[in-house]
Protein backbone atom coordinates (compact mmCIF):
# COMPACT_ATOMS: atom_id res chain seq x y z
CA MET A 1 18.38 239.11 46.16
CA ASN A 2 16.32 238.04 43.18
CA ILE A 3 15.10 234.43 43.08
CA SER A 4 14.10 232.94 39.75
CA PHE A 5 11.13 230.58 39.73
CA LYS A 6 11.38 229.98 35.98
CA GLY A 7 10.55 226.38 35.16
CA ALA A 8 9.08 225.64 38.60
CA HIS A 9 6.18 223.19 38.65
CA PHE A 10 4.56 224.86 41.67
CA PRO A 11 3.54 228.49 42.24
CA LYS A 12 6.22 230.53 43.95
CA GLU A 13 3.92 231.11 46.93
CA VAL A 14 3.80 227.35 47.60
CA ILE A 15 7.59 227.03 47.36
CA LEU A 16 8.23 230.00 49.62
CA TYR A 17 5.66 228.81 52.17
CA ALA A 18 7.18 225.32 52.35
CA VAL A 19 10.70 226.71 52.74
CA PHE A 20 9.45 229.13 55.39
CA LEU A 21 7.89 226.28 57.38
CA TYR A 22 11.09 224.25 57.18
CA LEU A 23 13.33 227.11 58.28
CA ARG A 24 10.97 228.48 60.95
CA TYR A 25 9.92 225.26 62.65
CA GLY A 26 12.65 222.79 61.66
CA ASP A 27 10.21 220.03 60.75
CA SER A 28 11.46 217.09 58.73
CA TYR A 29 10.82 216.96 55.00
CA ARG A 30 8.37 214.11 55.51
CA ASP A 31 6.48 216.12 58.13
CA LEU A 32 6.33 219.06 55.72
CA GLU A 33 5.07 216.72 53.01
CA GLU A 34 2.14 215.83 55.29
CA ILE A 35 1.50 219.46 56.26
CA MET A 36 1.41 220.53 52.62
CA ALA A 37 -0.88 217.59 51.77
CA GLU A 38 -3.31 218.80 54.45
CA ARG A 39 -3.33 222.12 52.59
CA GLY A 40 -4.07 220.42 49.26
CA VAL A 41 -0.54 220.46 47.80
CA ASP A 42 0.69 217.04 46.69
CA LEU A 43 4.48 216.93 46.60
CA ASP A 44 7.31 214.63 47.57
CA HIS A 45 9.76 215.14 50.43
CA ALA A 46 12.63 215.03 47.90
CA THR A 47 11.14 218.09 46.19
CA LEU A 48 11.22 219.94 49.51
CA ASN A 49 14.86 218.94 49.92
CA ARG A 50 15.73 220.48 46.52
CA TRP A 51 13.89 223.68 47.38
CA VAL A 52 15.70 224.12 50.68
CA SER A 53 19.16 223.21 49.40
């Protein structure tokens, strides 16, 4: 499977890490928003929803 990150506003590592956290631990999007903010990545929970969907 080849995933295209063309046009993404975040590095692919950030996207993959956030999706991994969601799938592995089942946290809510708002919880993930806080976790990513602690790691210095400012994003909205709606962005996480688009990445996972």
